[in-house]
């Protein structure tokens, strides 16, 4: 299967009206989050269907798709790379990871990050030094910072929370709502597995969290504790 046939297969699911909705939903207008993105109007189940059929294409083809301006082509490329990473040898995993890093600015919206970072970056950096994550956290590009925190989801699923909490601490004052939501989401995931660890972190840092981050982080707490955190944070900000 060559890249033209892959693209034709993907486009067979295109929906013009849904493409208009996606462009508005993902904010593709000039100056907005997805400026420059082109949408075909293809739903995720259909992209997954294509990815399963194309999972054996060469890595070079996946990389070419990842460099596309078409949002769904980049998503397709990432889904293929995720499968290649899961099933690949150590050498193939390294190749997938390098392609991901070299094209990281193509992973530039929340859906692209969420479908890839925890399955490629997360497992690849497990047990290694945090230098890559720190570099991502320090980026002025919000999607790189979201990749940093979302990649730690892999560790959370191994019931290891240290890396997530370290990255979350570095991102406590992040001004971008899509990073704030991601940090809160990861704290919530920790709370689903170990409420005590999440609560201890929140007790130390809730006063410095943006409200968007805090609201997401405390979703699994009792109504009483949620209210206490929110009221407490409001009180601290007024002081």
Protein backbone atom coordinates (compact mmCIF):
# COMPACT_ATOMS: atom_id res chain seq x y z
CA UNK A 1 0.00 0.00 0.00
CA UNK A 2 1.55 3.32 -1.07
CA UNK A 3 0.85 6.71 0.46
CA UNK A 4 -1.57 7.74 -2.29
CA UNK A 5 -3.75 4.68 -1.68
CA UNK A 6 -3.65 5.33 2.08
CA UNK A 7 -4.80 8.88 1.52
CA UNK A 8 -7.55 7.78 -0.87
CA UNK A 9 -8.78 5.24 1.65
CA UNK A 10 -8.83 7.86 4.39
CA UNK A 11 -10.63 10.38 2.20
CA UNK A 12 -13.35 7.85 1.41
CA UNK A 13 -14.70 8.64 4.90
CA UNK A 14 -14.63 12.42 4.45
CA UNK A 15 -17.74 14.42 5.33
CA UNK A 16 -17.84 18.05 4.19
CA UNK A 17 -20.38 19.16 6.80
CA UNK A 18 -18.53 17.42 9.61
CA UNK A 19 -15.30 19.03 8.38
CA UNK A 20 -16.88 22.44 8.90
CA UNK A 21 -17.87 21.44 12.42
CA UNK A 22 -14.35 20.15 13.18
CA UNK A 23 -12.71 23.31 11.90
CA UNK A 24 -14.89 25.35 14.23
CA UNK A 25 -14.55 22.93 17.16
CA UNK A 26 -10.76 22.75 16.94
CA UNK A 27 -10.51 26.51 16.25
CA UNK A 28 -8.83 26.50 12.86
CA UNK A 29 -9.38 30.16 12.02
CA UNK A 30 -6.49 32.58 11.60
CA UNK A 31 -4.78 33.34 14.89
CA UNK A 32 -6.52 30.52 16.73
CA UNK A 33 -5.33 27.19 18.18
CA UNK A 34 -5.42 25.12 15.00
CA UNK A 35 -4.53 27.84 12.53
CA UNK A 36 -3.37 26.28 9.26
CA UNK A 37 -5.00 22.91 9.90
CA UNK A 38 -7.15 21.40 7.16
CA UNK A 39 -10.00 19.09 8.17
CA UNK A 40 -11.56 16.40 6.02
CA UNK A 41 -14.37 15.62 8.46
CA UNK A 42 -13.44 12.07 9.46
CA UNK A 43 -14.47 10.62 12.81
CA UNK A 44 -12.04 8.83 15.11
CA UNK A 45 -13.54 5.32 14.70
CA UNK A 46 -13.05 5.66 10.94
CA UNK A 47 -9.46 6.86 11.34
CA UNK A 48 -8.80 3.90 13.64
CA UNK A 49 -10.27 1.59 11.03
CA UNK A 50 -7.87 2.93 8.42
CA UNK A 51 -4.93 2.73 10.83
CA UNK A 52 -5.53 -0.97 11.42
CA UNK A 53 -5.48 -1.60 7.70
CA UNK A 54 -2.31 0.47 7.29
CA UNK A 55 -0.37 -0.62 10.37
CA UNK A 56 2.31 -2.35 8.28
CA UNK A 57 3.24 0.65 6.14
CA UNK A 58 6.90 1.76 6.36
CA UNK A 59 7.91 4.21 9.07
CA UNK A 60 8.89 6.68 6.37
CA UNK A 61 5.28 6.75 5.18
CA UNK A 62 4.02 7.39 8.69
CA UNK A 63 6.47 10.26 8.99
CA UNK A 64 5.30 11.74 5.69
CA UNK A 65 1.69 11.61 6.87
CA UNK A 66 2.73 13.22 10.14
CA UNK A 67 4.06 16.21 8.21
CA UNK A 68 0.71 16.81 6.50
CA UNK A 69 -1.40 19.93 7.03
CA UNK A 70 -4.44 17.68 7.15
CA UNK A 71 -5.39 17.02 10.75
CA UNK A 72 -6.77 13.54 10.16
CA UNK A 73 -3.66 12.47 8.27
CA UNK A 74 -1.52 13.46 11.25
CA UNK A 75 -3.87 11.57 13.55
CA UNK A 76 -3.65 8.51 11.29
CA UNK A 77 0.15 8.72 11.34
CA UNK A 78 0.18 8.87 15.14
CA UNK A 79 -2.16 5.90 15.50
CA UNK A 80 0.09 3.88 13.19
CA UNK A 81 3.18 4.93 15.15
CA UNK A 82 1.50 3.94 18.42
CA UNK A 83 0.80 0.45 17.04
CA UNK A 84 4.33 0.14 15.71
CA UNK A 85 5.70 1.15 19.10
CA UNK A 86 3.52 -1.34 20.98
CA UNK A 87 4.47 -4.26 18.74
CA UNK A 88 8.00 -3.29 17.72
CA UNK A 89 11.42 -4.50 18.74
CA UNK A 90 13.59 -2.25 20.90
CA UNK A 91 15.23 -0.89 17.76
CA UNK A 92 11.84 -0.18 16.18
CA UNK A 93 10.62 1.49 19.37
CA UNK A 94 13.66 3.75 19.28
CA UNK A 95 12.93 4.64 15.66
CA UNK A 96 9.29 5.48 16.42
CA UNK A 97 10.30 7.61 19.40
CA UNK A 98 12.87 9.52 17.34
CA UNK A 99 10.34 10.17 14.57
CA UNK A 100 7.91 11.45 17.21
CA UNK A 101 10.47 13.84 18.72
CA UNK A 102 11.71 15.04 15.35
CA UNK A 103 8.13 15.85 14.29
CA UNK A 104 6.83 16.91 17.68
CA UNK A 105 5.48 20.21 16.40
CA UNK A 106 3.12 18.27 14.15
CA UNK A 107 1.54 16.92 17.37
CA UNK A 108 0.07 20.33 17.97
CA UNK A 109 -3.46 19.87 19.24
CA UNK A 110 -4.93 18.26 22.32
CA UNK A 111 -6.42 15.26 20.52
CA UNK A 112 -3.15 14.47 18.76
CA UNK A 113 -1.25 14.71 22.05
CA UNK A 114 -3.76 12.62 23.98
CA UNK A 115 -3.74 9.77 21.44
CA UNK A 116 0.04 9.50 21.30
CA UNK A 117 2.16 10.91 24.15
CA UNK A 118 1.18 8.34 26.78
CA UNK A 119 1.74 5.46 24.36
CA UNK A 120 5.10 6.51 22.89
CA UNK A 121 6.88 9.14 25.00
CA UNK A 122 5.62 7.77 28.31
CA UNK A 123 6.84 4.18 28.02
CA UNK A 124 10.03 5.22 26.26
CA UNK A 125 11.09 7.53 29.09
CA UNK A 126 9.96 5.26 31.92
CA UNK A 127 12.74 4.90 34.46
CA UNK A 128 15.01 7.36 32.64
CA UNK A 129 16.27 10.83 33.55
CA UNK A 130 13.73 13.65 33.32
CA UNK A 131 15.77 15.87 31.02
CA UNK A 132 13.44 15.37 28.02
CA UNK A 133 10.34 16.10 30.09
CA UNK A 134 11.97 19.18 31.60
CA UNK A 135 12.81 20.46 28.13
CA UNK A 136 9.20 19.95 27.07
CA UNK A 137 7.91 21.70 30.19
CA UNK A 138 10.19 24.67 29.48
CA UNK A 139 8.86 25.10 25.94
CA UNK A 140 6.86 28.18 24.97
CA UNK A 141 4.63 25.88 22.90
CA UNK A 142 1.63 24.70 24.89
CA UNK A 143 1.34 21.32 23.12
CA UNK A 144 4.89 20.39 24.11
CA UNK A 145 4.01 21.12 27.72
CA UNK A 146 0.84 19.03 27.38
CA UNK A 147 2.93 16.20 25.91
CA UNK A 148 5.16 16.38 28.99
CA UNK A 149 2.33 15.86 31.47
CA UNK A 150 0.30 13.43 29.33
CA UNK A 151 3.30 11.20 28.78
CA UNK A 152 3.34 10.52 32.53
CA UNK A 153 -0.04 8.78 32.22
CA UNK A 154 1.96 5.66 31.42
CA UNK A 155 3.63 5.80 34.85
CA UNK A 156 0.31 6.39 36.56
CA UNK A 157 -1.01 3.20 35.00
CA UNK A 158 1.93 1.41 36.56
CA UNK A 159 0.87 2.91 39.93
CA UNK A 160 3.97 5.08 39.95
CA UNK A 161 3.16 8.74 40.63
CA UNK A 162 6.50 10.46 41.28
CA UNK A 163 7.15 11.62 37.70
CA UNK A 164 3.62 12.94 37.24
CA UNK A 165 3.78 14.92 40.47
CA UNK A 166 7.17 16.39 39.56
CA UNK A 167 5.94 17.50 36.14
CA UNK A 168 2.66 18.76 37.60
CA UNK A 169 4.58 20.86 40.11
CA UNK A 170 6.58 22.45 37.28
CA UNK A 171 3.35 23.28 35.44
CA UNK A 172 1.35 24.57 38.41
CA UNK A 173 1.28 28.15 37.15
CA UNK A 174 0.86 27.37 33.44
CA UNK A 175 -1.36 29.93 31.77
CA UNK A 176 -2.76 27.78 28.96
CA UNK A 177 -6.09 26.14 29.74
CA UNK A 178 -5.28 23.00 27.71
CA UNK A 179 -2.20 22.45 29.85
CA UNK A 180 -4.12 23.26 33.03
CA UNK A 181 -6.80 20.72 32.13
CA UNK A 182 -4.16 18.08 31.37
CA UNK A 183 -2.41 18.57 34.71
CA UNK A 184 -5.73 18.39 36.53
CA UNK A 185 -6.65 15.27 34.58
CA UNK A 186 -3.45 13.51 35.63
CA UNK A 187 -3.97 14.41 39.29
CA UNK A 188 -7.49 13.04 38.97
CA UNK A 189 -6.09 9.81 37.51
CA UNK A 190 -3.79 9.52 40.51
CA UNK A 191 -6.74 10.09 42.86
CA UNK A 192 -8.59 7.18 41.23
CA UNK A 193 -5.71 4.91 42.21
CA UNK A 194 -4.44 6.49 45.41
CA UNK A 195 -6.60 9.22 46.88
CA UNK A 196 -4.18 9.86 49.72
CA UNK A 197 -1.28 10.70 47.36
CA UNK A 198 -3.43 13.06 45.31
CA UNK A 199 -4.84 14.76 48.39
CA UNK A 200 -1.40 15.27 49.89
CA UNK A 201 -0.22 16.94 46.67
CA UNK A 202 -3.30 19.13 46.51
CA UNK A 203 -3.01 20.16 50.15
CA UNK A 204 0.46 21.49 49.36
CA UNK A 205 -0.31 23.15 46.04
CA UNK A 206 -4.02 23.84 45.57
CA UNK A 207 -3.68 27.52 46.46
CA UNK A 208 -1.33 28.07 43.50
CA UNK A 209 -3.37 26.12 40.97
CA UNK A 210 -5.46 27.87 38.32
CA UNK A 211 -9.13 27.15 38.96
CA UNK A 212 -9.44 25.13 35.74
CA UNK A 213 -6.65 22.81 36.88
CA UNK A 214 -8.01 22.47 40.40
CA UNK A 215 -11.56 21.70 39.29
CA UNK A 216 -10.33 18.89 37.07
CA UNK A 217 -7.99 17.51 39.75
CA UNK A 218 -10.67 17.18 42.43
CA UNK A 219 -13.45 15.58 40.37
CA UNK A 220 -13.16 12.24 42.20
CA UNK A 221 -13.17 13.75 45.68
CA UNK A 222 -16.26 13.92 47.86
CA UNK A 223 -18.54 16.93 47.50
CA UNK A 224 -17.39 18.20 50.88
CA UNK A 225 -13.70 18.03 49.98
CA UNK A 226 -14.25 19.56 46.56
CA UNK A 227 -16.02 22.50 48.13
CA UNK A 228 -13.28 22.88 50.76
CA UNK A 229 -10.55 23.01 48.13
CA UNK A 230 -12.41 25.50 45.94
CA UNK A 231 -13.40 27.78 48.80
CA UNK A 232 -9.94 27.54 50.31
CA UNK A 233 -8.28 28.42 47.00
CA UNK A 234 -10.59 31.42 46.53
CA UNK A 235 -9.84 32.61 50.04
CA UNK A 236 -6.08 32.30 49.49
CA UNK A 237 -6.26 34.35 46.27
CA UNK A 238 -8.13 37.15 48.05
CA UNK A 239 -5.47 37.46 50.75
